[in-house]
N, C-alpha and C. Protein backbone atom coordinates (compact mmCIF):
# COMPACT_ATOMS: atom_id res chain seq x y z
N MET A 1 172.98 153.17 256.07
CA MET A 1 173.32 152.74 254.75
C MET A 1 172.91 153.76 253.68
N LYS A 2 171.99 154.66 254.01
CA LYS A 2 171.51 155.59 252.99
C LYS A 2 172.57 156.57 252.54
N ASN A 3 173.60 156.79 253.35
CA ASN A 3 174.61 157.75 252.96
C ASN A 3 175.68 157.16 252.06
N LEU A 4 175.71 155.85 251.90
CA LEU A 4 176.64 155.15 251.01
C LEU A 4 178.11 155.42 251.33
N THR A 5 178.41 155.79 252.57
CA THR A 5 179.80 156.06 252.94
C THR A 5 180.63 154.79 252.94
N TRP A 6 180.01 153.65 252.94
CA TRP A 6 180.73 152.37 252.87
C TRP A 6 181.32 152.15 251.48
N ILE A 7 180.93 152.95 250.50
CA ILE A 7 181.52 152.92 249.16
C ILE A 7 182.54 154.05 249.11
N SER A 8 183.79 153.71 248.85
CA SER A 8 184.84 154.72 248.90
C SER A 8 184.86 155.67 247.69
N GLU A 9 184.32 155.24 246.58
CA GLU A 9 184.32 156.08 245.37
C GLU A 9 183.31 157.22 245.50
N GLN A 10 183.63 158.36 244.91
CA GLN A 10 182.71 159.48 244.93
C GLN A 10 181.72 159.42 243.77
N LYS A 11 182.10 158.81 242.68
CA LYS A 11 181.22 158.65 241.52
C LYS A 11 180.72 157.21 241.50
N ILE A 12 179.43 157.04 241.57
CA ILE A 12 178.83 155.71 241.59
C ILE A 12 177.89 155.59 240.41
N SER A 13 178.11 154.58 239.59
CA SER A 13 177.21 154.29 238.48
C SER A 13 176.69 152.88 238.67
N ILE A 14 175.38 152.76 238.68
CA ILE A 14 174.73 151.46 238.79
C ILE A 14 174.02 151.21 237.48
N ILE A 15 174.37 150.13 236.82
CA ILE A 15 173.76 149.78 235.54
C ILE A 15 173.06 148.45 235.70
N ILE A 16 171.76 148.47 235.48
CA ILE A 16 170.97 147.25 235.57
C ILE A 16 170.51 146.91 234.16
N THR A 17 171.09 145.85 233.61
CA THR A 17 170.69 145.42 232.27
C THR A 17 169.56 144.40 232.39
N ASN A 18 168.78 144.29 231.36
CA ASN A 18 167.62 143.40 231.37
C ASN A 18 166.73 143.67 232.58
N TYR A 19 166.41 144.94 232.76
CA TYR A 19 165.65 145.36 233.94
C TYR A 19 164.38 144.54 234.13
N LYS A 20 163.77 144.17 233.05
CA LYS A 20 162.54 143.38 233.13
C LYS A 20 162.76 142.10 233.94
N TYR A 21 163.98 141.55 233.86
CA TYR A 21 164.28 140.30 234.53
C TYR A 21 165.09 140.48 235.81
N PHE A 22 165.44 141.72 236.12
CA PHE A 22 166.22 142.01 237.31
C PHE A 22 165.47 141.55 238.56
N LEU A 23 166.06 140.65 239.30
CA LEU A 23 165.47 140.08 240.51
C LEU A 23 164.06 139.53 240.26
N SER A 24 163.83 139.00 239.08
CA SER A 24 162.49 138.50 238.74
C SER A 24 162.09 137.30 239.60
N GLU A 25 163.07 136.60 240.13
CA GLU A 25 162.75 135.46 240.99
C GLU A 25 162.43 135.90 242.41
N SER A 26 162.63 137.15 242.70
CA SER A 26 162.34 137.67 244.03
C SER A 26 161.72 139.07 243.91
N PRO A 27 160.43 139.11 243.61
CA PRO A 27 159.76 140.41 243.46
C PRO A 27 159.87 141.29 244.70
N SER A 28 159.90 140.69 245.88
CA SER A 28 160.00 141.52 247.09
C SER A 28 161.38 142.17 247.20
N ALA A 29 162.43 141.47 246.77
CA ALA A 29 163.78 142.05 246.78
C ALA A 29 163.87 143.18 245.76
N LYS A 30 163.24 142.99 244.61
CA LYS A 30 163.23 144.03 243.58
C LYS A 30 162.50 145.27 244.10
N SER A 31 161.37 145.07 244.72
CA SER A 31 160.61 146.18 245.28
C SER A 31 161.41 146.90 246.36
N ALA A 32 162.10 146.14 247.20
CA ALA A 32 162.90 146.74 248.28
C ALA A 32 164.05 147.55 247.70
N PHE A 33 164.69 147.03 246.67
CA PHE A 33 165.80 147.74 246.01
C PHE A 33 165.32 149.07 245.45
N ILE A 34 164.23 149.03 244.71
CA ILE A 34 163.68 150.24 244.10
C ILE A 34 163.22 151.22 245.17
N PHE A 35 162.52 150.72 246.18
CA PHE A 35 162.04 151.56 247.27
C PHE A 35 163.20 152.26 247.96
N ASP A 36 164.25 151.51 248.28
CA ASP A 36 165.38 152.09 249.00
C ASP A 36 166.01 153.24 248.23
N PHE A 37 166.22 153.06 246.94
CA PHE A 37 166.80 154.14 246.16
C PHE A 37 165.83 155.30 245.99
N LYS A 38 164.60 155.00 245.66
CA LYS A 38 163.62 156.05 245.36
C LYS A 38 163.20 156.83 246.61
N MET A 39 163.01 156.14 247.72
CA MET A 39 162.43 156.77 248.90
C MET A 39 163.44 157.09 250.02
N ILE A 40 164.62 156.49 249.96
CA ILE A 40 165.57 156.70 251.05
C ILE A 40 166.88 157.32 250.56
N ILE A 41 167.56 156.64 249.65
CA ILE A 41 168.90 157.08 249.24
C ILE A 41 168.86 158.37 248.44
N PHE A 42 168.08 158.41 247.36
CA PHE A 42 168.02 159.63 246.54
C PHE A 42 167.52 160.84 247.33
N PRO A 43 166.43 160.71 248.10
CA PRO A 43 165.97 161.87 248.87
C PRO A 43 167.02 162.36 249.88
N PHE A 44 167.75 161.42 250.48
CA PHE A 44 168.80 161.84 251.42
C PHE A 44 169.82 162.72 250.73
N TRP A 45 170.31 162.28 249.57
CA TRP A 45 171.33 163.06 248.87
C TRP A 45 170.77 164.34 248.27
N LYS A 46 169.53 164.34 247.89
CA LYS A 46 168.94 165.55 247.31
C LYS A 46 168.73 166.62 248.38
N LYS A 47 168.29 166.20 249.55
CA LYS A 47 167.93 167.16 250.58
C LYS A 47 168.99 167.32 251.67
N ASP A 48 169.40 166.22 252.28
CA ASP A 48 170.24 166.29 253.47
C ASP A 48 171.73 166.08 253.23
N GLY A 49 172.06 165.25 252.27
CA GLY A 49 173.45 164.85 252.08
C GLY A 49 174.40 166.01 251.88
N LEU A 50 174.00 166.98 251.08
CA LEU A 50 174.88 168.11 250.80
C LEU A 50 175.11 168.99 252.03
N HIS A 51 174.15 168.99 252.94
CA HIS A 51 174.27 169.79 254.15
C HIS A 51 174.82 168.99 255.32
N TYR A 52 174.65 167.69 255.27
CA TYR A 52 175.06 166.81 256.36
C TYR A 52 176.58 166.70 256.46
N TYR A 53 177.24 166.69 255.33
CA TYR A 53 178.69 166.51 255.30
C TYR A 53 179.39 167.82 255.01
N GLU A 54 180.19 168.27 255.96
CA GLU A 54 181.00 169.46 255.72
C GLU A 54 182.18 169.12 254.83
N ASP A 55 182.70 167.91 254.98
CA ASP A 55 183.83 167.46 254.18
C ASP A 55 183.28 166.91 252.86
N LYS A 56 183.51 167.60 251.79
CA LYS A 56 182.92 167.25 250.49
C LYS A 56 183.42 165.91 249.94
N GLN A 57 184.45 165.31 250.55
CA GLN A 57 184.94 164.03 250.05
C GLN A 57 183.90 162.93 250.20
N TYR A 58 182.90 163.15 251.06
CA TYR A 58 181.88 162.14 251.28
C TYR A 58 180.67 162.30 250.36
N ILE A 59 180.61 163.39 249.62
CA ILE A 59 179.49 163.62 248.71
C ILE A 59 179.57 162.63 247.56
N LYS A 60 178.45 162.00 247.22
CA LYS A 60 178.40 161.00 246.17
C LYS A 60 177.67 161.54 244.94
N ASP A 61 178.21 161.22 243.78
CA ASP A 61 177.57 161.51 242.51
C ASP A 61 177.03 160.16 242.01
N ILE A 62 175.72 160.02 242.02
CA ILE A 62 175.11 158.72 241.75
C ILE A 62 174.30 158.75 240.46
N ASP A 63 174.59 157.80 239.58
CA ASP A 63 173.81 157.60 238.36
C ASP A 63 173.29 156.16 238.37
N VAL A 64 172.02 156.02 238.04
CA VAL A 64 171.43 154.68 237.92
C VAL A 64 170.84 154.57 236.52
N TYR A 65 171.24 153.53 235.82
CA TYR A 65 170.76 153.29 234.47
C TYR A 65 169.98 151.98 234.44
N LEU A 66 168.78 152.04 233.94
CA LEU A 66 167.94 150.84 233.76
C LEU A 66 167.86 150.56 232.28
N VAL A 67 168.38 149.43 231.87
CA VAL A 67 168.43 149.06 230.46
C VAL A 67 167.47 147.91 230.24
N TYR A 68 166.53 148.10 229.31
CA TYR A 68 165.54 147.04 229.06
C TYR A 68 166.04 146.03 228.08
């Protein structure tokens, strides 16, 4: 799942509004979401993703916005 190939778009923007309340009823889900992006998904694309895929159509441009 870290390579996000299940998303067909090359440009991905994730906007989380009211971040303070995002998954507030499930702190463990919020922690897992943040952990996955910070420790798994972003590092994969920063280090391995560009070298892992020879076909550039699979490269993802990812923006995450946290709005308070």
